[in-house]
Every structure is written in C-alpha cells, then in structure tokens.
Amino acid sequence: MAKDSASPSAGHNQSPLAGSEFALSRSPERSEGTAKGQSFEEAFAQLERTVQALDAGGLTLEQATDLFGEGMRLAKVCHDMLDATELKVRQLQVNFGQQIRLIDGGGNGPC
C-alpha cells in the first residue's frame, strides 16, 4: 500500500501553484504577516495575482475555493488599510481646519 501513496493520483491534490507565491501566501504565518507587514500596494498586487489565477482556470474545486478564500482575506486587508487611511485624511482635514480658524482669529471677530 505504500506504492499507492506515491502514485500520481496521490499528488493530484497538490496545487498547480505549489511552490509559488500563492502557495506561500496561504500559510497561516504568511496570512498574518500580510495583514500586519505588507503595504497596501503589495497586498493589492497579491490580490490581483489571486484573481488572475482564478480567472485562468484549470484548478480543482478545492484549489479554487482556497484561492477564493485568500482573495477575500486580501480584499479585507486592502479595505481595512483604505479605511484607516481615509480616517487619517479626515483627521488631517479637521486639524487643518482648526489651525486655519486659529490663524484667522477663530472667526469670533466682527465681519
């Protein structure tokens, strides 16, 4: 029975993307690192590659499902980064508005 485990059908579950960045990105360690260590541009580029791999087809249902899950995770990472950036921009706008009012005299003077 040891020969069965070494048969080509036993390796059938191996992703055609094995050894690629896709396979590496699906490991738990890499997934956590993406959320914490990658820039938006890197996460978005990885998301684009994931979508391209799904569009190309030729994957088993399990492989496609795994890639879809990775794509959804990357989409959330990108979305969260954009939300955080939007909040920073809004805070900067508020701070800038407060500084301008101080420079202009606070708007308390007569018109």
N, C-alpha and C. Protein backbone atom coordinates (compact mmCIF):
# COMPACT_ATOMS: atom_id res chain seq x y z
N MET A 1 0.81 -1.18 0.00
CA MET A 1 0.00 0.00 0.00
C MET A 1 0.85 1.25 0.00
N ALA A 2 2.11 1.14 0.26
CA ALA A 2 3.00 2.29 0.25
C ALA A 2 3.10 2.86 -1.16
N LYS A 3 2.95 2.00 -2.19
CA LYS A 3 3.04 2.48 -3.55
C LYS A 3 1.86 3.38 -3.89
N ASP A 4 0.68 3.13 -3.29
CA ASP A 4 -0.48 3.97 -3.57
C ASP A 4 -0.25 5.41 -3.15
N SER A 5 0.42 5.61 -2.02
CA SER A 5 0.63 6.97 -1.55
C SER A 5 1.62 7.72 -2.42
N ALA A 6 2.43 7.00 -3.19
CA ALA A 6 3.39 7.65 -4.06
C ALA A 6 2.88 7.74 -5.49
N SER A 7 1.67 7.26 -5.73
CA SER A 7 1.14 7.27 -7.09
C SER A 7 0.81 8.69 -7.53
N PRO A 8 0.72 8.92 -8.84
CA PRO A 8 0.41 10.25 -9.34
C PRO A 8 -0.92 10.78 -8.81
N SER A 9 -1.89 9.90 -8.58
CA SER A 9 -3.17 10.39 -8.07
C SER A 9 -3.05 10.91 -6.66
N ALA A 10 -2.07 10.43 -5.89
CA ALA A 10 -1.88 10.94 -4.53
C ALA A 10 -1.40 12.38 -4.57
N GLY A 11 -0.64 12.76 -5.58
CA GLY A 11 -0.16 14.12 -5.72
C GLY A 11 -1.15 15.01 -6.44
N HIS A 12 -2.30 14.46 -6.84
CA HIS A 12 -3.31 15.20 -7.57
C HIS A 12 -3.84 16.39 -6.77
N ASN A 13 -3.85 16.27 -5.44
CA ASN A 13 -4.35 17.35 -4.60
C ASN A 13 -3.36 18.50 -4.49
N GLN A 14 -2.15 18.31 -4.97
CA GLN A 14 -1.17 19.38 -4.89
C GLN A 14 -1.55 20.47 -5.89
N SER A 15 -1.51 21.70 -5.43
CA SER A 15 -1.88 22.85 -6.24
C SER A 15 -0.91 23.03 -7.39
N PRO A 16 -1.42 23.42 -8.57
CA PRO A 16 -0.51 23.76 -9.66
C PRO A 16 0.28 25.01 -9.31
N LEU A 17 -0.13 25.70 -8.26
CA LEU A 17 0.57 26.89 -7.81
C LEU A 17 1.53 26.57 -6.67
N ALA A 18 1.69 25.29 -6.35
CA ALA A 18 2.57 24.89 -5.25
C ALA A 18 3.97 25.41 -5.52
N GLY A 19 4.57 25.93 -4.47
CA GLY A 19 5.90 26.49 -4.60
C GLY A 19 5.88 27.92 -5.09
N SER A 20 4.73 28.39 -5.48
CA SER A 20 4.62 29.77 -5.95
C SER A 20 4.27 30.68 -4.79
N GLU A 21 4.16 31.93 -5.08
CA GLU A 21 3.79 32.91 -4.07
C GLU A 21 2.39 32.62 -3.53
N PHE A 22 1.50 32.08 -4.37
CA PHE A 22 0.15 31.77 -3.92
C PHE A 22 0.18 30.73 -2.83
N ALA A 23 0.96 29.70 -3.04
CA ALA A 23 1.03 28.63 -2.05
C ALA A 23 1.63 29.17 -0.76
N LEU A 24 2.65 30.02 -0.86
CA LEU A 24 3.26 30.59 0.33
C LEU A 24 2.31 31.52 1.05
N SER A 25 1.51 32.27 0.29
CA SER A 25 0.65 33.26 0.91
C SER A 25 -0.50 32.63 1.67
N ARG A 26 -0.78 31.36 1.42
CA ARG A 26 -1.90 30.73 2.10
C ARG A 26 -1.52 30.14 3.45
N SER A 27 -0.25 30.13 3.79
CA SER A 27 0.12 29.58 5.08
C SER A 27 -0.32 30.56 6.17
N PRO A 28 -0.70 30.07 7.35
CA PRO A 28 -1.17 30.95 8.42
C PRO A 28 -0.15 32.03 8.79
N GLU A 29 1.13 31.67 8.81
CA GLU A 29 2.14 32.64 9.17
C GLU A 29 2.17 33.77 8.14
N ARG A 30 2.09 33.42 6.87
CA ARG A 30 2.13 34.42 5.80
C ARG A 30 0.85 35.26 5.82
N SER A 31 -0.29 34.64 6.10
CA SER A 31 -1.55 35.37 6.13
C SER A 31 -1.53 36.44 7.21
N GLU A 32 -1.05 36.10 8.39
CA GLU A 32 -0.96 37.09 9.45
C GLU A 32 0.03 38.17 9.09
N GLY A 33 1.12 37.80 8.44
CA GLY A 33 2.13 38.77 8.03
C GLY A 33 1.60 39.74 7.00
N THR A 34 0.72 39.27 6.13
CA THR A 34 0.15 40.14 5.11
C THR A 34 -0.64 41.24 5.77
N ALA A 35 -1.44 40.88 6.75
CA ALA A 35 -2.28 41.87 7.41
C ALA A 35 -1.43 42.86 8.20
N LYS A 36 -0.30 42.43 8.69
CA LYS A 36 0.50 43.30 9.55
C LYS A 36 1.70 43.91 8.84
N GLY A 37 2.30 43.18 7.89
CA GLY A 37 3.57 43.62 7.37
C GLY A 37 3.59 44.11 5.93
N GLN A 38 2.61 43.78 5.14
CA GLN A 38 2.63 44.18 3.74
C GLN A 38 2.05 45.56 3.57
N SER A 39 2.56 46.26 2.58
CA SER A 39 1.97 47.55 2.22
C SER A 39 0.67 47.30 1.46
N PHE A 40 -0.10 48.35 1.30
CA PHE A 40 -1.33 48.24 0.53
C PHE A 40 -1.02 47.77 -0.88
N GLU A 41 0.01 48.35 -1.48
CA GLU A 41 0.37 48.00 -2.86
C GLU A 41 0.74 46.54 -3.00
N GLU A 42 1.46 46.01 -2.02
CA GLU A 42 1.84 44.59 -2.05
C GLU A 42 0.62 43.69 -1.88
N ALA A 43 -0.25 44.04 -0.95
CA ALA A 43 -1.45 43.23 -0.72
C ALA A 43 -2.37 43.29 -1.94
N PHE A 44 -2.49 44.47 -2.55
CA PHE A 44 -3.36 44.61 -3.72
C PHE A 44 -2.79 43.83 -4.91
N ALA A 45 -1.47 43.88 -5.08
CA ALA A 45 -0.83 43.13 -6.18
C ALA A 45 -1.05 41.63 -5.97
N GLN A 46 -0.95 41.17 -4.73
CA GLN A 46 -1.19 39.75 -4.44
C GLN A 46 -2.65 39.40 -4.71
N LEU A 47 -3.56 40.31 -4.38
CA LEU A 47 -4.97 40.10 -4.68
C LEU A 47 -5.19 39.99 -6.18
N GLU A 48 -4.56 40.85 -6.94
CA GLU A 48 -4.68 40.80 -8.41
C GLU A 48 -4.17 39.47 -8.96
N ARG A 49 -3.04 39.00 -8.44
CA ARG A 49 -2.49 37.71 -8.90
C ARG A 49 -3.44 36.56 -8.54
N THR A 50 -4.07 36.66 -7.38
CA THR A 50 -5.02 35.63 -6.97
C THR A 50 -6.21 35.60 -7.91
N VAL A 51 -6.73 36.78 -8.24
CA VAL A 51 -7.87 36.86 -9.17
C VAL A 51 -7.47 36.33 -10.55
N GLN A 52 -6.27 36.66 -11.01
CA GLN A 52 -5.81 36.17 -12.31
C GLN A 52 -5.71 34.65 -12.32
N ALA A 53 -5.23 34.07 -11.23
CA ALA A 53 -5.12 32.61 -11.14
C ALA A 53 -6.51 31.97 -11.19
N LEU A 54 -7.47 32.59 -10.53
CA LEU A 54 -8.84 32.06 -10.56
C LEU A 54 -9.43 32.21 -11.96
N ASP A 55 -9.19 33.35 -12.60
CA ASP A 55 -9.70 33.59 -13.96
C ASP A 55 -9.09 32.63 -14.97
N ALA A 56 -7.83 32.26 -14.76
CA ALA A 56 -7.14 31.37 -15.70
C ALA A 56 -7.76 29.97 -15.71
N GLY A 57 -8.36 29.59 -14.59
CA GLY A 57 -8.99 28.28 -14.52
C GLY A 57 -7.98 27.16 -14.38
N GLY A 58 -8.43 25.95 -14.66
CA GLY A 58 -7.56 24.78 -14.56
C GLY A 58 -7.31 24.34 -13.14
N LEU A 59 -8.09 24.82 -12.19
CA LEU A 59 -7.91 24.46 -10.79
C LEU A 59 -8.99 23.48 -10.36
N THR A 60 -8.66 22.68 -9.39
CA THR A 60 -9.69 21.82 -8.80
C THR A 60 -10.62 22.70 -7.98
N LEU A 61 -11.74 22.17 -7.61
CA LEU A 61 -12.69 22.92 -6.79
C LEU A 61 -12.04 23.34 -5.48
N GLU A 62 -11.29 22.44 -4.87
CA GLU A 62 -10.63 22.74 -3.60
C GLU A 62 -9.61 23.87 -3.77
N GLN A 63 -8.82 23.79 -4.85
CA GLN A 63 -7.82 24.83 -5.11
C GLN A 63 -8.49 26.19 -5.35
N ALA A 64 -9.55 26.17 -6.15
CA ALA A 64 -10.27 27.41 -6.44
C ALA A 64 -10.90 27.98 -5.18
N THR A 65 -11.43 27.12 -4.34
CA THR A 65 -12.03 27.57 -3.09
C THR A 65 -10.98 28.18 -2.17
N ASP A 66 -9.82 27.53 -2.09
CA ASP A 66 -8.73 28.07 -1.27
C ASP A 66 -8.28 29.43 -1.78
N LEU A 67 -8.13 29.55 -3.09
CA LEU A 67 -7.71 30.82 -3.67
C LEU A 67 -8.78 31.89 -3.46
N PHE A 68 -10.04 31.51 -3.60
CA PHE A 68 -11.13 32.46 -3.36
C PHE A 68 -11.08 32.98 -1.92
N GLY A 69 -10.87 32.07 -0.98
CA GLY A 69 -10.75 32.47 0.42
C GLY A 69 -9.59 33.42 0.64
N GLU A 70 -8.46 33.12 0.00
CA GLU A 70 -7.29 34.00 0.10
C GLU A 70 -7.61 35.36 -0.51
N GLY A 71 -8.31 35.36 -1.62
CA GLY A 71 -8.69 36.63 -2.25
C GLY A 71 -9.61 37.44 -1.37
N MET A 72 -10.55 36.80 -0.72
CA MET A 72 -11.45 37.51 0.18
C MET A 72 -10.69 38.09 1.37
N ARG A 73 -9.73 37.34 1.88
CA ARG A 73 -8.92 37.82 3.00
C ARG A 73 -8.10 39.03 2.56
N LEU A 74 -7.49 38.94 1.38
CA LEU A 74 -6.69 40.06 0.87
C LEU A 74 -7.56 41.28 0.59
N ALA A 75 -8.77 41.05 0.08
CA ALA A 75 -9.68 42.17 -0.16
C ALA A 75 -10.01 42.87 1.16
N LYS A 76 -10.20 42.10 2.22
CA LYS A 76 -10.48 42.70 3.53
C LYS A 76 -9.27 43.47 4.04
N VAL A 77 -8.08 42.92 3.86
CA VAL A 77 -6.86 43.61 4.28
C VAL A 77 -6.76 44.95 3.55
N CYS A 78 -6.97 44.94 2.24
CA CYS A 78 -6.90 46.18 1.46
C CYS A 78 -7.98 47.16 1.90
N HIS A 79 -9.19 46.67 2.10
CA HIS A 79 -10.29 47.52 2.54
C HIS A 79 -9.99 48.16 3.89
N ASP A 80 -9.48 47.36 4.82
CA ASP A 80 -9.14 47.89 6.14
C ASP A 80 -8.05 48.95 6.05
N MET A 81 -7.06 48.73 5.19
CA MET A 81 -6.00 49.72 5.02
C MET A 81 -6.55 51.02 4.43
N LEU A 82 -7.45 50.90 3.47
CA LEU A 82 -8.07 52.09 2.89
C LEU A 82 -8.92 52.83 3.92
N ASP A 83 -9.66 52.11 4.73
CA ASP A 83 -10.46 52.74 5.79
C ASP A 83 -9.57 53.50 6.76
N ALA A 84 -8.46 52.89 7.17
CA ALA A 84 -7.54 53.53 8.10
C ALA A 84 -6.94 54.79 7.48
N THR A 85 -6.61 54.73 6.20
CA THR A 85 -6.05 55.89 5.51
C THR A 85 -7.09 57.00 5.39
N GLU A 86 -8.32 56.62 5.08
CA GLU A 86 -9.39 57.61 4.98
C GLU A 86 -9.59 58.33 6.32
N LEU A 87 -9.54 57.59 7.41
CA LEU A 87 -9.68 58.18 8.74
C LEU A 87 -8.54 59.16 9.00
N LYS A 88 -7.32 58.79 8.64
CA LYS A 88 -6.17 59.69 8.82
C LYS A 88 -6.35 60.97 8.02
N VAL A 89 -6.82 60.84 6.78
CA VAL A 89 -7.03 62.02 5.94
C VAL A 89 -8.09 62.92 6.55
N ARG A 90 -9.18 62.35 7.03
CA ARG A 90 -10.24 63.15 7.66
C ARG A 90 -9.72 63.87 8.90
N GLN A 91 -8.91 63.17 9.69
CA GLN A 91 -8.34 63.79 10.88
C GLN A 91 -7.42 64.94 10.50
N LEU A 92 -6.63 64.75 9.45
CA LEU A 92 -5.76 65.83 8.97
C LEU A 92 -6.57 67.03 8.49
N GLN A 93 -7.69 66.77 7.81
CA GLN A 93 -8.54 67.85 7.34
C GLN A 93 -9.14 68.62 8.51
N VAL A 94 -9.59 67.92 9.53
CA VAL A 94 -10.15 68.57 10.72
C VAL A 94 -9.07 69.40 11.40
N ASN A 95 -7.89 68.82 11.58
CA ASN A 95 -6.79 69.55 12.23
C ASN A 95 -6.41 70.78 11.42
N PHE A 96 -6.38 70.65 10.12
CA PHE A 96 -6.04 71.78 9.25
C PHE A 96 -7.10 72.86 9.38
N GLY A 97 -8.37 72.48 9.40
CA GLY A 97 -9.46 73.44 9.57
C GLY A 97 -9.36 74.18 10.89
N GLN A 98 -8.99 73.46 11.95
CA GLN A 98 -8.83 74.10 13.26
C GLN A 98 -7.66 75.07 13.25
N GLN A 99 -6.58 74.71 12.59
CA GLN A 99 -5.42 75.59 12.51
C GLN A 99 -5.75 76.86 11.73
N ILE A 100 -6.50 76.73 10.64
CA ILE A 100 -6.88 77.89 9.84
C ILE A 100 -7.76 78.83 10.66
N ARG A 101 -8.69 78.29 11.43
CA ARG A 101 -9.56 79.13 12.28
C ARG A 101 -8.73 79.88 13.31
N LEU A 102 -7.71 79.23 13.86
CA LEU A 102 -6.84 79.89 14.83
C LEU A 102 -6.06 81.02 14.17
N ILE A 103 -5.58 80.77 12.97
CA ILE A 103 -4.81 81.78 12.23
C ILE A 103 -5.70 82.97 11.87
N ASP A 104 -6.93 82.68 11.48
CA ASP A 104 -7.88 83.72 11.08
C ASP A 104 -8.50 84.44 12.29
N GLY A 105 -8.12 84.07 13.46
CA GLY A 105 -8.67 84.72 14.65
C GLY A 105 -9.84 83.98 15.25
N GLY A 106 -10.04 82.78 14.82
CA GLY A 106 -11.09 81.95 15.41
C GLY A 106 -12.47 82.29 14.92
N GLY A 107 -12.60 83.23 14.01
CA GLY A 107 -13.92 83.55 13.47
C GLY A 107 -14.80 84.29 14.47
N ASN A 108 -14.22 84.78 15.59
CA ASN A 108 -15.01 85.48 16.61
C ASN A 108 -15.06 86.99 16.38
N GLY A 109 -14.25 87.47 15.48
CA GLY A 109 -14.20 88.92 15.23
C GLY A 109 -15.35 89.39 14.38
N PRO A 110 -15.57 90.71 14.34
CA PRO A 110 -16.66 91.26 13.51
C PRO A 110 -16.35 91.12 12.04
N CYS A 111 -17.37 90.99 11.22
CA CYS A 111 -17.21 90.85 9.78
C CYS A 111 -17.01 92.16 9.12
